[in-house]
Amino acid sequence: MNSSVTLRQLQVFVAVARGGAVIAAAQDVHLSQSATSQALADLERHLDVALFDRLGRRLWLNDVGRRLLPRAERMLDELAQFIDAAKEPEGVLQGTLRVAASATIGTYLLPTLAGHFSERHPQVDLQLRLRNTGEVVDDILRFNADLGLIEGQCSEARLTSQPWRQDEMVLVCAPHHPLANNEYLDDAALQQAQWILRERGSGTRAIFEAAVRHHVERLRVRMELSQHEAIKQAVRAGLGLGCLSRLSVAGELRRKELIALESDLVLRRTFSLVWHPERYRSPLWQAFKVFLLEAD
């Protein structure tokens, strides 16, 4: 490495890459905005290459920046481990991990899992971000998250994914809805029903539309909502049918606030872990991934 490149410049580079702006990076590295801008400019001058594309105040990693970011993260992580080794017993996990999860996973699975992991490793800072599936994929592509958890398979060729666990989706309606007494919904009933669905870009919406495609010519979508609770409230009010993960409606079904409806739709899906293959995967990253795969 060029002897003129400093540890502070590497810290600034990583912080800007993660935050997308100098002002956010300045807060992370505890420097003034001008000092942060200067450190980044010095680094690019020493390397004789631009690391970011500038668009107004936003900075986007270019191809060179994306290639160098994992190396910079690895060097900073190894330095942190070197320092920690002098202070803590061997094997203590430390650091920050940013996890982006789609709505069903982030609401009904990840908080408990993250809590158990944090109990085992109290010096770890898990930062959880709730998004829809498309936004999680975008966060991983832009290096705004270290690990993603999404509903369904990842179709983005630039990312690596791994099946995590299975989930079942269920059609639901209010007990007083006209279809509540139907033991089975045929294609005609599916066609005539009004639907309360997640927004486009969500994994739940994509799986439902794929399942219903060969049964219904055109869905009658009455409302599109981005939150499970809002969908459940609308369905409970009798405004239409919903399609949600059984995880999200288990309590309502048990209390008979919602009714599950049978159909020929195949509504099973896979939850997946997704990450950028060029992103540095720290010991903390590896440990959390193994924990998720082994969790019941």
Protein backbone atom coordinates (compact mmCIF):
# COMPACT_ATOMS: atom_id res chain seq x y z
CA MET A 1 0.00 0.00 0.00
CA ASN A 2 1.18 3.53 -0.75
CA SER A 3 2.94 4.73 2.38
CA SER A 4 1.06 8.01 2.15
CA VAL A 5 -2.29 6.27 2.72
CA THR A 6 -3.32 6.55 6.35
CA LEU A 7 -5.59 4.57 8.63
CA ARG A 8 -7.84 7.61 8.94
CA GLN A 9 -8.23 7.82 5.16
CA LEU A 10 -9.27 4.18 5.03
CA GLN A 11 -11.78 4.77 7.83
CA VAL A 12 -13.21 7.74 5.93
CA PHE A 13 -13.41 5.72 2.70
CA VAL A 14 -15.35 2.92 4.40
CA ALA A 15 -17.63 5.35 6.24
CA VAL A 16 -18.48 7.28 3.08
CA ALA A 17 -19.10 4.03 1.19
CA ARG A 18 -21.54 2.92 3.88
CA GLY A 19 -23.29 6.24 4.38
CA GLY A 20 -23.24 7.57 0.84
CA ALA A 21 -22.43 11.09 1.97
CA VAL A 22 -19.57 12.98 3.60
CA ILE A 23 -21.76 14.47 6.33
CA ALA A 24 -22.85 11.03 7.58
CA ALA A 25 -19.30 9.70 7.38
CA ALA A 26 -18.00 12.67 9.36
CA GLN A 27 -20.24 11.71 12.28
CA ASP A 28 -19.07 8.09 12.14
CA VAL A 29 -15.36 8.93 12.21
CA HIS A 30 -15.73 11.92 14.57
CA LEU A 31 -14.26 14.46 12.17
CA SER A 32 -15.53 17.74 10.79
CA GLN A 33 -17.16 17.62 7.38
CA SER A 34 -14.27 19.53 5.83
CA ALA A 35 -11.67 17.22 7.38
CA THR A 36 -13.59 14.18 6.14
CA SER A 37 -13.79 15.60 2.60
CA GLN A 38 -10.09 16.37 2.70
CA ALA A 39 -9.18 12.86 3.88
CA LEU A 40 -11.18 11.31 1.06
CA ALA A 41 -9.66 13.67 -1.51
CA ASP A 42 -6.15 12.87 -0.20
CA LEU A 43 -6.82 9.14 -0.48
CA GLU A 44 -8.02 9.41 -4.07
CA ARG A 45 -5.03 11.62 -4.92
CA HIS A 46 -2.56 9.16 -3.35
CA LEU A 47 -4.17 6.24 -5.18
CA ASP A 48 -4.45 8.33 -8.36
CA VAL A 49 -7.98 7.04 -8.95
CA ALA A 50 -11.54 8.13 -8.16
CA LEU A 51 -13.41 5.81 -5.80
CA PHE A 52 -16.85 7.38 -6.09
CA ASP A 53 -19.20 8.86 -8.67
CA ARG A 54 -20.53 12.20 -7.47
CA LEU A 55 -24.20 13.12 -7.88
CA GLY A 56 -24.95 16.29 -5.94
CA ARG A 57 -24.10 15.55 -2.31
CA ARG A 58 -24.46 11.80 -2.79
CA LEU A 59 -21.42 9.65 -3.46
CA TRP A 60 -21.86 6.27 -5.15
CA LEU A 61 -19.08 3.68 -5.21
CA ASN A 62 -17.74 3.20 -8.72
CA ASP A 63 -16.23 -0.07 -9.98
CA VAL A 64 -12.83 0.67 -8.44
CA GLY A 65 -14.41 1.64 -5.12
CA ARG A 66 -16.49 -1.55 -5.01
CA ARG A 67 -13.38 -3.61 -5.70
CA LEU A 68 -11.32 -1.90 -3.00
CA LEU A 69 -13.97 -1.61 -0.28
CA PRO A 70 -13.77 -5.26 0.91
CA ARG A 71 -9.98 -4.92 1.19
CA ALA A 72 -10.27 -1.74 3.23
CA GLU A 73 -12.91 -3.31 5.48
CA ARG A 74 -10.74 -6.38 5.97
CA MET A 75 -7.72 -4.28 6.96
CA LEU A 76 -9.75 -2.22 9.43
CA ASP A 77 -11.40 -5.32 10.86
CA GLU A 78 -8.07 -7.08 11.32
CA LEU A 79 -6.65 -4.00 13.04
CA ALA A 80 -9.68 -3.92 15.35
CA GLN A 81 -9.19 -7.61 16.13
CA PHE A 82 -5.51 -6.94 16.83
CA ILE A 83 -6.42 -4.23 19.32
CA ASP A 84 -9.23 -6.28 20.87
CA ALA A 85 -6.94 -9.29 21.31
CA ALA A 86 -4.87 -7.24 23.74
CA LYS A 87 -7.94 -6.39 25.80
CA GLU A 88 -10.39 -9.28 25.61
CA PRO A 89 -10.23 -13.08 25.94
CA GLU A 90 -9.74 -14.94 22.67
CA GLY A 91 -12.93 -15.67 20.76
CA VAL A 92 -15.00 -12.66 21.93
CA LEU A 93 -17.06 -11.32 19.02
CA GLN A 94 -17.21 -7.56 18.62
CA GLY A 95 -18.17 -5.08 15.96
CA THR A 96 -21.16 -3.84 13.99
CA LEU A 97 -23.25 -5.85 11.54
CA ARG A 98 -25.94 -4.24 9.40
CA VAL A 99 -28.77 -6.59 8.49
CA ALA A 100 -31.60 -5.72 6.09
CA ALA A 101 -34.70 -7.91 6.25
CA SER A 102 -37.94 -7.99 4.32
CA ALA A 103 -41.12 -7.27 6.24
CA THR A 104 -42.32 -10.74 7.28
CA ILE A 105 -38.86 -11.85 8.39
CA GLY A 106 -38.00 -8.52 9.99
CA THR A 107 -41.24 -8.37 11.94
CA TYR A 108 -41.92 -11.96 13.00
CA LEU A 109 -38.58 -13.80 13.02
CA LEU A 110 -35.51 -11.60 13.13
CA PRO A 111 -36.10 -9.58 16.34
CA THR A 112 -36.18 -12.71 18.50
CA LEU A 113 -33.22 -14.28 16.71
CA ALA A 114 -31.20 -11.08 16.92
CA GLY A 115 -32.02 -10.82 20.62
CA HIS A 116 -30.73 -14.34 21.30
CA PHE A 117 -27.55 -13.65 19.31
CA SER A 118 -26.98 -10.40 21.20
CA GLU A 119 -27.40 -12.22 24.53
CA ARG A 120 -24.62 -14.59 23.53
CA HIS A 121 -22.43 -11.79 22.18
CA PRO A 122 -23.18 -8.62 24.17
CA GLN A 123 -20.35 -6.64 22.57
CA VAL A 124 -21.85 -6.99 19.10
CA ASP A 125 -23.93 -4.15 17.62
CA LEU A 126 -26.61 -5.61 15.34
CA GLN A 127 -28.27 -2.90 13.28
CA LEU A 128 -31.54 -4.15 11.78
CA ARG A 129 -33.33 -2.46 8.90
CA LEU A 130 -36.87 -3.38 7.83
CA ARG A 131 -37.43 -3.14 4.06
CA ASN A 132 -39.35 -4.87 1.30
CA THR A 133 -37.56 -7.55 -0.71
CA GLY A 134 -36.63 -5.26 -3.59
CA GLU A 135 -35.19 -2.68 -1.20
CA VAL A 136 -33.17 -5.34 0.65
CA VAL A 137 -31.61 -6.45 -2.63
CA ASP A 138 -30.84 -2.81 -3.47
CA ASP A 139 -29.24 -2.28 -0.04
CA ILE A 140 -26.97 -5.28 -0.58
CA LEU A 141 -26.04 -4.14 -4.10
CA ARG A 142 -25.14 -0.67 -2.83
CA PHE A 143 -23.17 -2.07 0.15
CA ASN A 144 -25.64 -0.42 2.53
CA ALA A 145 -26.12 -3.73 4.37
CA ASP A 146 -23.82 -6.63 5.13
CA LEU A 147 -26.45 -9.37 5.00
CA GLY A 148 -30.00 -9.54 3.69
CA LEU A 149 -32.93 -11.80 4.52
CA ILE A 150 -35.61 -11.93 1.86
CA GLU A 151 -38.86 -13.71 1.03
CA GLY A 152 -38.46 -15.98 -1.98
CA GLN A 153 -35.44 -16.58 -4.19
CA CYS A 154 -32.97 -13.88 -5.16
CA SER A 155 -32.99 -13.31 -8.93
CA GLU A 156 -30.22 -10.68 -8.91
CA ALA A 157 -27.26 -12.31 -10.69
CA ARG A 158 -24.72 -10.04 -9.02
CA LEU A 159 -25.58 -11.35 -5.55
CA THR A 160 -25.12 -14.68 -3.79
CA SER A 161 -28.05 -16.28 -1.97
CA GLN A 162 -28.73 -19.37 0.11
CA PRO A 163 -32.06 -20.93 1.12
CA TRP A 164 -32.76 -20.40 4.80
CA ARG A 165 -36.15 -21.77 5.83
CA GLN A 166 -39.63 -22.50 4.47
CA ASP A 167 -42.74 -20.38 4.95
CA GLU A 168 -46.42 -20.89 4.20
CA MET A 169 -48.71 -18.12 3.03
CA VAL A 170 -52.45 -18.21 3.63
CA LEU A 171 -55.54 -16.53 2.17
CA VAL A 172 -57.60 -14.82 4.87
CA CYS A 173 -60.87 -12.94 5.24
CA ALA A 174 -63.01 -11.53 8.04
CA PRO A 175 -65.46 -13.89 9.79
CA HIS A 176 -68.38 -11.83 8.43
CA HIS A 177 -67.06 -11.72 4.85
CA PRO A 178 -69.39 -13.39 2.28
CA LEU A 179 -66.67 -15.93 1.43
CA ALA A 180 -65.95 -16.88 5.06
CA ASN A 181 -68.24 -19.92 4.91
CA ASN A 182 -66.76 -21.24 1.67
CA GLU A 183 -64.69 -24.37 2.32
CA TYR A 184 -62.87 -23.83 -0.98
CA LEU A 185 -62.27 -20.89 -3.31
CA ASP A 186 -62.44 -21.86 -6.97
CA ASP A 187 -60.97 -19.75 -9.77
CA ALA A 188 -64.23 -17.84 -10.22
CA ALA A 189 -64.26 -16.82 -6.55
CA LEU A 190 -60.60 -15.77 -6.74
CA GLN A 191 -61.42 -13.68 -9.82
CA GLN A 192 -64.40 -11.94 -8.24
CA ALA A 193 -62.81 -11.26 -4.85
CA GLN A 194 -61.44 -7.87 -3.95
CA TRP A 195 -57.89 -8.04 -2.55
CA ILE A 196 -55.89 -6.16 0.06
CA LEU A 197 -52.26 -6.77 -0.87
CA ARG A 198 -48.71 -5.73 -0.10
CA GLU A 199 -47.10 -3.16 -2.36
CA ARG A 200 -45.27 -4.16 -5.53
CA GLY A 201 -41.65 -5.01 -4.78
CA SER A 202 -42.50 -7.03 -1.69
CA GLY A 203 -41.75 -10.75 -1.64
CA THR A 204 -45.24 -11.56 -0.36
CA ARG A 205 -46.85 -9.77 -3.33
CA ALA A 206 -44.51 -11.43 -5.84
CA ILE A 207 -45.20 -14.94 -4.53
CA PHE A 208 -48.97 -14.37 -4.49
CA GLU A 209 -49.04 -12.98 -8.03
CA ALA A 210 -46.96 -15.90 -9.32
CA ALA A 211 -49.30 -18.39 -7.63
CA VAL A 212 -52.51 -16.78 -8.90
CA ARG A 213 -51.32 -16.06 -12.44
CA HIS A 214 -52.73 -19.25 -14.00
CA HIS A 215 -56.00 -19.05 -12.07
CA VAL A 216 -57.11 -15.44 -12.45
CA GLU A 217 -57.07 -13.31 -15.57
CA ARG A 218 -56.96 -10.02 -13.69
CA LEU A 219 -56.83 -9.38 -9.95
CA ARG A 220 -59.24 -6.89 -8.42
CA VAL A 221 -56.84 -5.08 -6.09
CA ARG A 222 -58.76 -2.75 -3.81
CA MET A 223 -55.86 -1.59 -1.64
CA GLU A 224 -52.07 -1.84 -1.61
CA LEU A 225 -50.49 -1.43 1.83
CA SER A 226 -46.89 -1.67 2.97
CA GLN A 227 -47.50 -2.98 6.50
CA HIS A 228 -48.84 -6.36 7.61
CA GLU A 229 -50.86 -4.80 10.43
CA ALA A 230 -52.57 -2.38 8.05
CA ILE A 231 -53.53 -5.26 5.75
CA LYS A 232 -54.91 -7.26 8.66
CA GLN A 233 -56.96 -4.30 9.86
CA ALA A 234 -58.44 -3.79 6.38
CA VAL A 235 -59.22 -7.49 6.00
CA ARG A 236 -60.78 -7.64 9.49
CA ALA A 237 -63.01 -4.73 8.45
CA GLY A 238 -64.33 -6.87 5.61
CA LEU A 239 -62.82 -4.73 2.84
CA GLY A 240 -61.39 -7.70 0.96
CA LEU A 241 -59.26 -10.83 1.06
CA GLY A 242 -55.60 -10.85 2.03
CA CYS A 243 -52.66 -13.14 1.43
CA LEU A 244 -50.07 -13.12 4.23
CA SER A 245 -47.53 -15.37 5.86
CA ARG A 246 -49.07 -17.74 8.38
CA LEU A 247 -46.44 -16.36 10.77
CA SER A 248 -48.09 -12.96 10.62
CA VAL A 249 -51.70 -14.11 11.14
CA ALA A 250 -51.22 -16.99 13.59
CA GLY A 251 -52.70 -15.01 16.49
CA GLU A 252 -55.67 -13.75 14.51
CA LEU A 253 -56.48 -17.25 13.22
CA ARG A 254 -56.22 -18.69 16.72
CA ARG A 255 -58.57 -16.01 18.10
CA LYS A 256 -60.86 -16.43 15.05
CA GLU A 257 -60.47 -12.76 14.15
CA LEU A 258 -59.54 -13.94 10.66
CA ILE A 259 -60.61 -17.02 8.70
CA ALA A 260 -58.20 -19.09 6.56
CA LEU A 261 -59.51 -19.98 3.10
CA GLU A 262 -58.58 -23.01 1.00
CA SER A 263 -57.76 -22.88 -2.71
CA ASP A 264 -55.62 -24.56 -5.35
CA LEU A 265 -52.95 -21.86 -5.07
CA VAL A 266 -49.45 -23.06 -4.19
CA LEU A 267 -48.41 -20.59 -1.51
CA ARG A 268 -45.25 -22.06 -0.04
CA ARG A 269 -42.04 -20.10 -0.36
CA THR A 270 -38.43 -20.07 0.71
CA PHE A 271 -36.81 -17.43 2.88
CA SER A 272 -33.27 -16.73 1.67
CA LEU A 273 -30.06 -15.20 2.93
CA VAL A 274 -28.44 -12.87 0.41
CA TRP A 275 -25.09 -11.08 0.29
CA HIS A 276 -22.68 -9.41 -2.09
CA PRO A 277 -19.87 -11.80 -3.08
CA GLU A 278 -17.37 -8.94 -3.26
CA ARG A 279 -18.19 -7.68 0.24
CA TYR A 280 -15.82 -8.51 3.07
CA ARG A 281 -17.33 -11.17 5.31
CA SER A 282 -15.92 -10.65 8.79
CA PRO A 283 -15.77 -13.28 11.56
CA LEU A 284 -18.87 -11.57 13.01
CA TRP A 285 -20.66 -11.93 9.65
CA GLN A 286 -19.70 -15.59 9.48
CA ALA A 287 -20.83 -16.23 13.06
CA PHE A 288 -24.22 -14.58 12.56
CA LYS A 289 -24.84 -16.48 9.33
CA VAL A 290 -24.06 -19.81 11.03
CA PHE A 291 -26.32 -18.84 13.93
CA LEU A 292 -29.22 -18.13 11.56
CA LEU A 293 -28.75 -21.41 9.71
CA GLU A 294 -28.64 -23.42 12.93
CA ALA A 295 -31.49 -21.62 14.72
CA ASP A 296 -34.73 -23.56 15.17
